Amino acid sequence: MNGAESLVRTLVAGGVDVCFTNPGTSEMHFVAALDKVPGMRCVLGLFEGVVTGAADGYFRMKGTPASTLLHLGPGLANGLANLHNAKKANSGVVNIVGQHATYHIEYNAPLTSDIEGLARPMSSWVRTSPDAKSVARDGAAAIAAASGAPPQIATLILPADTAWNEADGVAEVPVESQRQSYSPQAVEKAAKVLRGGEQTLLLMTGSAVTEKGLALAAQIAGKTGCRVMGPLASPRMARGRGRFSIDRVPYVIEAAQAALKGFRHIVLVEANDPVAFFAYPNKPSLLKPEGCEVHRMTSSGENSVAALEALASALGAKPADVKPQTHVELVKPTGALNHASIAQAIAMAIPENAIVVDESVTTGRAFFPVMAAGAPHDWIQNLGGSIGYSTPVATGAAIACPDRKVICMVGDGSAMYTLQSLWTQAREGLNVVTIVFANRIYQILRGEFDGVGAGEPGQRALDMLKIDRPTIDFVGLSKGMGVPARAVDNVDDFVKALAEAVAEPGPRLIEVQM
């Protein structure tokens, strides 16, 4: 077999059996190997940002890495924004990036670039295979890196001649490093803080906000009176009826300061010290109140559920200590189409065990509390802040969980970054409902313009913030890529459109004209 086939066989043997692809000339031997090796599902994306974002979404729901296939440095560069988001979410991804043949690089052909230099900022592991006989071994090392604790992005660069020359065979993936446990000393320190009686916040993300982790946090909060919150965004959070609902640290600095006011201690469970998303004139970067002490109990990659179990035991917290929760009552919305009625409609429409991918930006800031009253679901958010993440992540989540409905909420500005995801969803028949909130403006930037104290925007500034000339026809764009779509401009039609989209198999798009 050649190097490309040895790599594909190594990937499949190592449990990496999905490849999100956008290949070019240098990757054709890898593409050819896909026909020779059973067991690899290949999913074509029409833009590399769709490919990398889909790999992120796949990992968040599956917990094991997928691979990507990208064309040389420019192809990797096109996918970097969503690799940035994946890195911030601690997602494991195995990137396979083609390279010119080793003997061709010196001639500086048009697509020659420093691929390793492009890869390193978003990858924790980078390697270029020197020859065909190294490819399988390097692929196995990439799988091990992507599957580690914590998971990471691994990028393997594959020169064309290492793909077509003869190789030795399949390499065995090194034994996966076991998930790190936790520090008993850190747990005992957290218990001491919680016993002290001062106002304390448990700030949790990662594995701590799974259903089991949240249930343990509810016991601890009931026993000690502490508050439990999440950061603005988490890679995946258990939400819905019957689950412990927690608030998030707000985006707006003044609102975040108000939410954190009074806390004397913050115990971090995989989360980081709360900081502002951006710097603003005369506003703080750190959001915690002055004098508040921060204590880390677990970091990403550690077993936070086990740590919470140990903390609950140390405090004597039990299920009987859980305090009842008050949820927003869900009623069929009527009247105007606004943020509140939209939230009610979506919360009512969420089917059991759905996956909600949130990039609703300003429209959706008030959605989070209302959704807690919906059917049990998983909520995915963007930790990296680079927009255009939601439709690719929804695509990967649907590949990972074909038996679950995915609801993707996205603003119109964000949707235009990676709208090609719809084509992949149509081709693969994925169960994704995409809701586009079309307010014809980068509304978040309009707010940021005020937030940084830039004054009153003039016509030129407003032209950089509005996307209403011409008006984007999302229904036409969606249908052109094979996804049935409709637009709504009132609550009754939105409720009906949601019910129909959730009930039907395959992808659907709803444009909410606001």
Protein backbone atom coordinates (compact mmCIF):
# COMPACT_ATOMS: atom_id res chain seq x y z
CA MET A 1 0.00 0.00 0.00
CA ASN A 2 1.06 3.61 -0.43
CA GLY A 3 1.38 6.19 2.32
CA ALA A 4 -2.13 7.57 1.84
CA GLU A 5 -3.74 4.16 2.20
CA SER A 6 -1.63 3.37 5.26
CA LEU A 7 -2.87 6.61 6.82
CA VAL A 8 -6.55 5.98 6.07
CA ARG A 9 -6.28 2.45 7.45
CA THR A 10 -4.53 3.77 10.55
CA LEU A 11 -7.24 6.38 11.10
CA VAL A 12 -10.04 3.81 10.84
CA ALA A 13 -8.21 1.34 13.08
CA GLY A 14 -7.68 4.15 15.60
CA GLY A 15 -11.40 4.97 15.79
CA VAL A 16 -11.34 8.02 13.51
CA ASP A 17 -13.97 6.94 11.00
CA VAL A 18 -15.40 10.30 9.83
CA CYS A 19 -13.49 12.66 7.55
CA PHE A 20 -14.79 16.15 6.75
CA THR A 21 -13.13 17.05 3.48
CA ASN A 22 -12.34 19.77 0.96
CA PRO A 23 -9.44 18.27 -1.00
CA GLY A 24 -7.23 19.48 -3.84
CA THR A 25 -4.56 18.07 -6.15
CA SER A 26 -2.05 17.23 -3.43
CA GLU A 27 -4.63 15.13 -1.59
CA MET A 28 -5.82 12.99 -4.51
CA HIS A 29 -4.00 9.85 -3.35
CA PHE A 30 -5.72 10.19 0.03
CA VAL A 31 -9.03 10.58 -1.81
CA ALA A 32 -8.25 7.48 -3.90
CA ALA A 33 -7.45 5.52 -0.74
CA LEU A 34 -10.96 6.19 0.55
CA ASP A 35 -12.32 3.83 -2.10
CA LYS A 36 -9.90 1.10 -1.02
CA VAL A 37 -10.54 1.24 2.73
CA PRO A 38 -13.98 0.42 4.14
CA GLY A 39 -15.23 2.12 7.27
CA MET A 40 -14.42 5.80 6.65
CA ARG A 41 -17.40 8.13 6.19
CA CYS A 42 -16.44 11.10 4.03
CA VAL A 43 -18.41 14.33 4.24
CA LEU A 44 -17.70 17.03 1.66
CA GLY A 45 -17.81 20.69 2.66
CA LEU A 46 -17.76 23.49 0.10
CA PHE A 47 -15.59 25.72 2.28
CA GLU A 48 -12.86 24.78 4.72
CA GLY A 49 -14.52 26.72 7.55
CA VAL A 50 -17.45 24.32 7.21
CA VAL A 51 -15.06 21.37 7.35
CA THR A 52 -13.22 22.46 10.50
CA GLY A 53 -16.39 23.65 12.24
CA ALA A 54 -18.11 20.36 11.52
CA ALA A 55 -15.19 18.47 13.08
CA ASP A 56 -15.60 20.66 16.17
CA GLY A 57 -19.33 19.92 16.41
CA TYR A 58 -18.72 16.20 15.88
CA PHE A 59 -16.29 16.06 18.80
CA ARG A 60 -18.51 18.06 21.14
CA MET A 61 -21.28 15.49 20.77
CA LYS A 62 -19.33 12.27 20.12
CA GLY A 63 -16.41 12.83 22.44
CA THR A 64 -13.97 11.31 19.93
CA PRO A 65 -12.14 13.14 17.13
CA ALA A 66 -13.03 13.24 13.46
CA SER A 67 -10.46 14.01 10.79
CA THR A 68 -10.39 16.81 8.26
CA LEU A 69 -8.75 16.83 4.83
CA LEU A 70 -7.56 20.28 3.72
CA HIS A 71 -5.69 21.53 0.66
CA LEU A 72 -2.27 22.98 1.39
CA GLY A 73 -1.69 26.17 3.41
CA PRO A 74 -4.48 28.30 1.91
CA GLY A 75 -7.03 25.55 2.55
CA LEU A 76 -5.90 25.30 6.16
CA ALA A 77 -5.97 29.10 6.46
CA ASN A 78 -9.58 29.16 5.27
CA GLY A 79 -10.46 26.83 8.15
CA LEU A 80 -8.47 28.55 10.90
CA ALA A 81 -11.32 30.64 12.37
CA ASN A 82 -13.33 27.58 13.30
CA LEU A 83 -10.20 25.76 14.45
CA HIS A 84 -9.75 28.73 16.80
CA ASN A 85 -13.26 28.11 18.14
CA ALA A 86 -12.55 24.38 18.42
CA LYS A 87 -9.34 25.04 20.36
CA LYS A 88 -11.15 27.28 22.84
CA ALA A 89 -13.75 24.51 23.29
CA ASN A 90 -11.02 21.89 23.90
CA SER A 91 -12.25 19.82 20.96
CA GLY A 92 -10.11 17.03 19.58
CA VAL A 93 -9.55 17.20 15.81
CA VAL A 94 -7.13 15.37 13.48
CA ASN A 95 -6.30 17.67 10.57
CA ILE A 96 -4.71 16.13 7.48
CA VAL A 97 -3.25 18.90 5.34
CA GLY A 98 -1.75 18.20 1.94
CA GLN A 99 1.62 19.62 0.96
CA HIS A 100 3.61 19.77 -2.27
CA ALA A 101 5.90 16.81 -2.90
CA THR A 102 9.09 17.18 -0.88
CA TYR A 103 11.22 17.73 -4.00
CA HIS A 104 8.77 20.33 -5.42
CA ILE A 105 8.71 22.73 -2.48
CA GLU A 106 12.04 24.37 -3.40
CA TYR A 107 10.58 25.71 -6.65
CA ASN A 108 8.14 28.01 -4.83
CA ALA A 109 5.06 27.04 -6.83
CA PRO A 110 2.01 29.34 -6.43
CA LEU A 111 0.45 27.42 -3.51
CA THR A 112 3.69 27.01 -1.55
CA SER A 113 3.43 28.35 1.99
CA ASP A 114 4.62 27.78 5.55
CA ILE A 115 1.95 25.26 6.53
CA GLU A 116 3.49 24.48 9.91
CA GLY A 117 3.58 28.20 10.67
CA LEU A 118 -0.10 28.51 9.78
CA ALA A 119 -1.04 25.44 11.83
CA ARG A 120 0.77 26.13 15.09
CA PRO A 121 -1.40 28.94 16.55
CA MET A 122 -4.51 26.72 16.46
CA SER A 123 -2.88 23.30 16.88
CA SER A 124 -1.26 21.83 19.98
CA TRP A 125 0.44 19.11 17.90
CA VAL A 126 1.98 19.70 14.43
CA ARG A 127 4.10 17.36 12.34
CA THR A 128 5.14 17.01 8.69
CA SER A 129 5.70 13.41 7.58
CA PRO A 130 9.19 13.15 6.05
CA ASP A 131 8.54 10.03 3.97
CA ALA A 132 5.87 7.43 3.14
CA LYS A 133 7.07 4.93 5.72
CA SER A 134 6.51 7.52 8.49
CA VAL A 135 2.96 8.45 7.53
CA ALA A 136 1.06 5.73 9.41
CA ARG A 137 3.13 6.20 12.57
CA ASP A 138 2.66 9.97 12.42
CA GLY A 139 -1.08 9.50 11.88
CA ALA A 140 -1.30 7.27 14.94
CA ALA A 141 0.53 9.90 16.99
CA ALA A 142 -1.92 12.56 15.76
CA ILE A 143 -4.88 10.45 16.87
CA ALA A 144 -3.31 9.98 20.30
CA ALA A 145 -2.73 13.72 20.63
CA ALA A 146 -6.27 14.62 19.58
CA SER A 147 -7.73 12.03 21.98
CA GLY A 148 -5.67 13.02 25.01
CA ALA A 149 -6.64 14.66 28.27
CA PRO A 150 -7.35 17.40 27.55
CA PRO A 151 -8.19 16.77 23.90
CA GLN A 152 -6.39 18.95 21.39
CA ILE A 153 -6.10 19.84 17.73
CA ALA A 154 -3.48 17.78 15.93
CA THR A 155 -2.34 18.74 12.43
CA LEU A 156 -0.48 16.25 10.24
CA ILE A 157 1.02 17.66 7.05
CA LEU A 158 1.23 15.14 4.23
CA PRO A 159 3.58 15.90 1.30
CA ALA A 160 2.22 14.46 -1.93
CA ASP A 161 5.09 12.02 -2.48
CA THR A 162 4.72 10.60 1.04
CA ALA A 163 1.13 9.81 0.04
CA TRP A 164 1.93 8.07 -3.25
CA ASN A 165 5.16 6.26 -2.35
CA GLU A 166 5.18 2.76 -0.88
CA ALA A 167 4.56 2.46 2.86
CA ASP A 168 5.03 -0.27 5.46
CA GLY A 169 1.42 -0.70 6.62
CA VAL A 170 -0.90 0.27 9.45
CA ALA A 171 0.40 1.78 12.70
CA GLU A 172 -1.13 1.11 16.08
CA VAL A 173 -2.33 4.13 17.99
CA PRO A 174 -0.48 4.56 21.30
CA VAL A 175 -2.58 3.74 24.34
CA GLU A 176 -4.83 6.72 24.97
CA SER A 177 -3.76 8.67 27.99
CA GLN A 178 -6.31 8.14 30.73
CA ARG A 179 -8.41 11.08 31.75
CA GLN A 180 -6.64 12.89 34.53
CA SER A 181 -8.34 12.57 37.87
CA TYR A 182 -8.39 15.62 40.12
CA SER A 183 -6.51 17.07 43.04
CA PRO A 184 -7.94 15.97 46.42
CA GLN A 185 -6.14 18.96 47.93
CA ALA A 186 -7.97 21.34 45.56
CA VAL A 187 -11.29 19.71 46.48
CA GLU A 188 -10.58 20.04 50.19
CA LYS A 189 -9.62 23.69 49.72
CA ALA A 190 -12.92 24.30 47.88
CA ALA A 191 -14.81 22.53 50.67
CA LYS A 192 -13.10 24.72 53.25
CA VAL A 193 -14.12 27.85 51.32
CA LEU A 194 -17.72 26.65 51.05
CA ARG A 195 -17.86 25.80 54.76
CA GLY A 196 -16.66 29.32 55.59
CA GLY A 197 -20.08 30.86 55.04
CA GLU A 198 -18.93 33.76 52.84
CA GLN A 199 -20.68 34.38 49.54
CA THR A 200 -19.19 31.90 47.08
CA LEU A 201 -19.69 31.19 43.40
CA LEU A 202 -19.08 27.84 41.73
CA LEU A 203 -18.17 28.79 38.15
CA MET A 204 -18.42 25.64 36.02
CA THR A 205 -17.98 24.55 32.42
CA GLY A 206 -16.76 21.52 30.43
CA SER A 207 -17.62 18.12 31.87
CA ALA A 208 -18.96 19.82 35.02
CA VAL A 209 -22.07 21.05 33.17
CA THR A 210 -23.19 17.63 32.01
CA GLU A 211 -26.44 16.43 33.58
CA LYS A 212 -24.59 14.52 36.31
CA GLY A 213 -22.22 17.37 37.09
CA LEU A 214 -25.07 19.85 37.35
CA ALA A 215 -27.04 17.51 39.63
CA LEU A 216 -24.08 17.37 42.01
CA ALA A 217 -23.72 21.14 41.89
CA ALA A 218 -27.41 21.48 42.81
CA GLN A 219 -26.80 19.38 45.92
CA ILE A 220 -23.75 21.46 46.87
CA ALA A 221 -25.66 24.72 46.33
CA GLY A 222 -28.59 23.46 48.38
CA LYS A 223 -26.32 22.42 51.23
CA THR A 224 -24.06 25.46 51.37
CA GLY A 225 -26.09 28.30 49.88
CA CYS A 226 -23.45 29.00 47.22
CA ARG A 227 -24.42 30.17 43.73
CA VAL A 228 -23.62 28.16 40.60
CA MET A 229 -23.04 29.82 37.25
CA GLY A 230 -21.42 29.10 33.92
CA PRO A 231 -19.19 31.39 31.87
CA LEU A 232 -20.74 33.20 28.93
CA ALA A 233 -20.23 30.10 26.75
CA SER A 234 -19.63 26.38 27.35
CA PRO A 235 -18.71 23.69 24.81
CA ARG A 236 -21.83 21.72 25.71
CA MET A 237 -24.31 22.10 28.56
CA ALA A 238 -27.21 19.94 29.72
CA ARG A 239 -30.39 22.04 29.74
CA GLY A 240 -34.16 21.65 30.00
CA ARG A 241 -36.80 20.38 32.39
CA GLY A 242 -35.59 18.17 35.21
CA ARG A 243 -32.04 19.50 35.03
CA PHE A 244 -30.37 22.02 37.31
CA SER A 245 -30.56 25.34 35.49
CA ILE A 246 -27.74 27.80 36.03
CA ASP A 247 -27.22 31.36 34.85
CA ARG A 248 -24.32 32.53 32.73
CA VAL A 249 -21.93 35.42 33.32
CA PRO A 250 -23.45 38.15 31.12
CA TYR A 251 -21.66 39.57 28.07
CA VAL A 252 -22.16 43.26 28.93
CA ILE A 253 -19.60 44.40 31.49
CA GLU A 254 -22.02 46.30 33.71
CA ALA A 255 -24.43 43.35 33.77
CA ALA A 256 -21.58 40.94 34.55
CA GLN A 257 -20.36 43.11 37.40
CA ALA A 258 -23.87 43.23 38.83
CA ALA A 259 -24.20 39.44 38.59
CA LEU A 260 -20.86 38.88 40.35
CA LYS A 261 -21.23 41.63 42.93
CA GLY A 262 -20.89 40.49 46.51
CA PHE A 263 -18.99 37.27 45.94
CA ARG A 264 -16.01 36.84 48.24
CA HIS A 265 -14.85 33.63 46.60
CA ILE A 266 -15.07 32.03 43.14
CA VAL A 267 -14.33 28.31 42.82
CA LEU A 268 -13.35 27.43 39.24
CA VAL A 269 -14.48 24.06 37.90
CA GLU A 270 -12.79 23.90 34.48
CA ALA A 271 -13.76 27.55 33.98
CA ASN A 272 -11.40 30.51 33.88
CA ASP A 273 -11.37 33.74 35.85
CA PRO A 274 -14.24 35.79 34.34
CA VAL A 275 -12.91 38.48 32.02
CA ALA A 276 -14.52 40.95 29.64
CA PHE A 277 -14.87 39.83 26.02
CA PHE A 278 -13.14 43.03 24.86
CA ALA A 279 -11.39 46.02 26.37
CA TYR A 280 -13.45 49.19 26.66
CA PRO A 281 -12.29 52.67 27.66
CA ASN A 282 -12.61 53.24 31.40
CA LYS A 283 -14.03 49.78 32.04
CA PRO A 284 -12.33 46.85 33.80
CA SER A 285 -10.99 43.73 32.12
CA LEU A 286 -11.56 41.54 35.20
CA LEU A 287 -15.23 41.12 36.07
CA LYS A 288 -14.96 39.80 39.62
CA PRO A 289 -15.47 42.28 42.48
CA GLU A 290 -12.48 43.78 44.21
CA GLY A 291 -11.14 41.53 46.96
CA CYS A 292 -12.77 38.39 45.58
CA GLU A 293 -10.49 35.35 45.89
CA VAL A 294 -10.36 32.79 43.07
CA HIS A 295 -9.68 29.09 43.76
CA ARG A 296 -9.19 26.50 41.03
CA MET A 297 -10.68 23.09 41.78
CA THR A 298 -10.30 21.45 38.34
CA SER A 299 -8.82 22.30 34.96
CA SER A 300 -9.84 21.13 31.50
CA GLY A 301 -8.98 17.45 31.10
CA GLU A 302 -9.49 16.64 34.76
CA ASN A 303 -12.43 14.57 35.97
CA SER A 304 -14.71 17.32 37.23
CA VAL A 305 -17.66 15.03 37.88
CA ALA A 306 -15.54 12.91 40.21
CA ALA A 307 -14.25 16.09 41.86
CA LEU A 308 -17.81 17.33 42.40
CA GLU A 309 -18.74 13.96 43.87
CA ALA A 310 -15.82 14.26 46.28
CA LEU A 311 -16.79 17.85 47.11
CA ALA A 312 -20.41 16.87 47.79
CA SER A 313 -19.20 14.05 50.03
CA ALA A 314 -16.85 16.34 51.95
CA LEU A 315 -19.71 18.77 52.55
CA GLY A 316 -22.29 16.11 53.33
CA ALA A 317 -24.43 17.32 50.41
CA LYS A 318 -27.16 14.91 49.30
CA PRO A 319 -30.04 14.87 46.76
CA ALA A 320 -32.42 15.86 49.56
CA ASP A 321 -30.58 19.19 49.83
CA VAL A 322 -31.58 20.28 46.31
CA LYS A 323 -33.82 23.35 46.34
CA PRO A 324 -36.82 23.52 43.98
CA GLN A 325 -36.33 25.57 40.82
CA THR A 326 -38.66 28.11 39.33
CA HIS A 327 -38.90 28.04 35.55
CA VAL A 328 -40.54 30.41 33.12
CA GLU A 329 -43.96 29.05 32.25
CA LEU A 330 -44.19 28.09 28.61
CA VAL A 331 -47.29 29.34 26.84
CA LYS A 332 -47.99 29.63 23.15
CA PRO A 333 -46.77 33.13 22.26
CA THR A 334 -49.05 35.66 20.64
CA GLY A 335 -48.74 39.23 19.54
CA ALA A 336 -45.59 40.82 18.16
CA LEU A 337 -42.56 38.93 16.90
CA ASN A 338 -39.93 40.00 19.43
CA HIS A 339 -37.12 38.46 21.46
CA ALA A 340 -39.47 37.22 24.19
CA SER A 341 -42.03 35.64 21.88
CA ILE A 342 -39.29 34.05 19.75
CA ALA A 343 -37.75 32.49 22.87
CA GLN A 344 -41.11 31.11 23.99
CA ALA A 345 -41.80 29.63 20.54
CA ILE A 346 -38.41 27.89 20.32
CA ALA A 347 -38.56 26.60 23.90
CA MET A 348 -41.96 25.06 23.20
CA ALA A 349 -40.74 23.49 19.95
CA ILE A 350 -37.54 21.84 21.26
CA PRO A 351 -38.05 18.09 20.98
CA GLU A 352 -36.84 15.63 23.58
CA ASN A 353 -33.07 15.07 23.49
CA ALA A 354 -32.46 17.79 20.91
CA ILE A 355 -29.16 19.58 20.35
CA VAL A 356 -29.33 23.39 20.30
CA VAL A 357 -26.46 25.25 18.66
CA ASP A 358 -26.54 28.92 19.64
CA GLU A 359 -25.17 31.76 17.54
CA SER A 360 -28.20 33.95 17.94
CA VAL A 361 -25.96 36.79 19.17
CA THR A 362 -27.99 39.85 20.27
CA THR A 363 -31.38 38.35 19.41
CA GLY A 364 -30.76 35.38 21.66
CA ARG A 365 -29.30 36.99 24.77
CA ALA A 366 -32.60 36.54 26.60
CA PHE A 367 -33.18 32.99 25.31
CA PHE A 368 -31.13 31.11 27.88
CA PRO A 369 -33.43 31.33 30.95
CA VAL A 370 -36.56 30.56 28.93
CA MET A 371 -35.03 27.50 27.28
CA ALA A 372 -34.56 25.92 30.71
CA ALA A 373 -38.28 25.16 30.65
CA GLY A 374 -38.04 23.29 27.36
CA ALA A 375 -37.63 19.56 26.87
CA PRO A 376 -34.25 18.12 27.98
CA HIS A 377 -31.55 19.02 25.45
CA ASP A 378 -27.87 19.85 25.02
CA TRP A 379 -26.86 23.46 24.43
CA ILE A 380 -23.71 24.26 22.39
CA GLN A 381 -22.12 27.70 22.40
CA ASN A 382 -19.16 29.50 20.85
CA LEU A 383 -16.21 29.87 23.19
CA GLY A 384 -13.86 31.35 20.61
CA GLY A 385 -16.02 34.26 19.51
CA SER A 386 -15.22 33.89 15.80
CA ILE A 387 -18.58 34.09 14.02
CA GLY A 388 -19.73 31.64 11.38
CA TYR A 389 -19.36 28.68 13.73
CA SER A 390 -22.95 27.54 14.26
CA THR A 391 -24.04 26.08 10.92
CA PRO A 392 -20.84 23.98 10.58
CA VAL A 393 -20.98 22.87 14.23
CA ALA A 394 -24.64 21.90 13.77
CA THR A 395 -23.62 19.87 10.72
CA GLY A 396 -20.98 17.95 12.66
CA ALA A 397 -23.30 17.43 15.63
CA ALA A 398 -25.92 15.93 13.31
CA ILE A 399 -23.33 13.54 11.84
CA ALA A 400 -22.33 12.50 15.37
CA CYS A 401 -25.92 12.04 16.57
CA PRO A 402 -28.12 11.10 13.60
CA ASP A 403 -31.02 10.12 15.88
CA ARG A 404 -31.27 13.59 17.46
CA LYS A 405 -32.79 16.78 16.07
CA VAL A 406 -30.38 19.71 15.85
CA ILE A 407 -31.70 23.27 16.14
CA CYS A 408 -29.27 25.92 14.93
CA MET A 409 -30.00 29.53 15.91
CA VAL A 410 -27.96 32.11 14.01
CA GLY A 411 -27.99 35.82 13.21
CA ASP A 412 -28.11 36.85 9.57
CA GLY A 413 -24.62 38.37 9.61
CA SER A 414 -23.09 35.26 11.16
CA ALA A 415 -25.00 32.94 8.84
CA MET A 416 -23.38 34.44 5.73
CA TYR A 417 -19.90 33.34 6.82
CA THR A 418 -20.50 29.61 6.40
CA LEU A 419 -23.90 29.26 4.73
CA GLN A 420 -22.38 26.54 2.51
CA SER A 421 -23.10 24.22 5.46
CA LEU A 422 -26.66 23.97 4.14
CA TRP A 423 -25.44 22.21 1.01
CA THR A 424 -23.66 19.58 3.10
CA GLN A 425 -26.75 19.16 5.27
CA ALA A 426 -28.88 18.60 2.16
CA ARG A 427 -26.42 16.15 0.62
CA GLU A 428 -26.15 14.12 3.83
CA GLY A 429 -29.87 14.39 4.72
CA LEU A 430 -29.06 15.79 8.18
CA ASN A 431 -31.76 16.56 10.76
CA VAL A 432 -30.90 20.23 11.24
CA VAL A 433 -33.40 23.07 11.62
CA THR A 434 -31.63 26.38 10.97
CA ILE A 435 -33.34 29.52 12.31
CA VAL A 436 -31.90 32.72 10.83
CA PHE A 437 -32.73 35.92 12.70
CA ALA A 438 -32.77 38.52 9.93
CA ASN A 439 -32.59 41.97 11.47
CA ARG A 440 -30.51 43.29 8.52
CA ILE A 441 -27.75 44.64 10.74
CA TYR A 442 -24.66 43.53 12.64
CA GLN A 443 -26.61 44.46 15.75
CA ILE A 444 -23.85 43.39 18.12
CA LEU A 445 -21.44 45.78 16.40
CA ARG A 446 -23.96 48.60 16.66
CA GLY A 447 -23.95 48.00 20.41
CA GLU A 448 -20.15 47.73 20.49
CA PHE A 449 -19.87 51.07 18.67
CA ASP A 450 -21.59 52.66 21.67
CA GLY A 451 -19.73 50.46 24.15
CA VAL A 452 -16.27 51.62 23.10
CA GLY A 453 -17.38 55.25 23.18
CA ALA A 454 -16.90 55.87 19.46
CA GLY A 455 -19.64 58.51 19.42
CA GLU A 456 -22.71 58.68 17.22
CA PRO A 457 -22.19 56.73 13.98
CA GLY A 458 -22.38 58.72 10.76
CA GLN A 459 -23.62 57.40 7.43
CA ARG A 460 -20.31 55.76 6.49
CA ALA A 461 -20.11 54.02 9.85
CA LEU A 462 -23.72 52.84 9.59
CA ASP A 463 -22.98 51.44 6.14
CA MET A 464 -20.34 49.23 7.77
CA LEU A 465 -22.88 47.94 10.31
CA LYS A 466 -26.02 47.40 8.22
CA ILE A 467 -26.55 44.51 5.80
CA ASP A 468 -29.81 45.72 4.28
CA ARG A 469 -28.67 47.00 0.89
CA PRO A 470 -29.39 44.68 -0.85
CA THR A 471 -31.59 42.55 1.41
CA ILE A 472 -30.31 38.98 1.70
CA ASP A 473 -32.82 36.36 0.56
CA PHE A 474 -32.10 33.44 2.90
CA VAL A 475 -35.05 31.45 1.60
CA GLY A 476 -33.70 31.67 -1.94
CA LEU A 477 -30.16 30.86 -0.85
CA SER A 478 -31.35 27.87 1.19
CA LYS A 479 -33.49 26.43 -1.57
CA GLY A 480 -30.61 26.89 -4.00
CA MET A 481 -28.51 24.58 -1.82
CA GLY A 482 -31.25 21.96 -1.52
CA VAL A 483 -32.73 22.88 1.87
CA PRO A 484 -36.49 23.62 2.04
CA ALA A 485 -37.07 27.05 3.56
CA ARG A 486 -39.68 29.63 4.42
CA ALA A 487 -39.75 33.13 5.84
CA VAL A 488 -41.96 34.31 8.70
CA ASP A 489 -42.74 37.77 10.00
CA ASN A 490 -45.27 37.02 12.75
CA VAL A 491 -45.49 34.77 15.79
CA ASP A 492 -48.27 32.51 14.53
CA ASP A 493 -46.40 31.65 11.35
CA PHE A 494 -43.18 31.12 13.30
CA VAL A 495 -44.83 28.65 15.70
CA LYS A 496 -46.31 26.76 12.74
CA ALA A 497 -43.07 26.75 10.77
CA LEU A 498 -41.13 25.45 13.78
CA ALA A 499 -43.59 22.63 14.40
CA GLU A 500 -43.42 21.54 10.77
CA ALA A 501 -39.61 21.78 10.57
CA VAL A 502 -39.10 19.78 13.77
CA ALA A 503 -41.55 17.08 12.66
CA GLU A 504 -40.01 16.56 9.20
CA PRO A 505 -36.79 14.59 8.65
CA GLY A 506 -33.86 16.24 6.92
CA PRO A 507 -32.71 19.86 6.95
CA ARG A 508 -35.01 22.88 7.04
CA LEU A 509 -34.44 26.65 7.28
CA ILE A 510 -36.68 29.33 8.75
CA GLU A 511 -35.89 33.00 8.11
CA VAL A 512 -37.30 35.12 10.94
CA GLN A 513 -37.77 38.60 9.51
CA MET A 514 -37.45 41.00 12.42
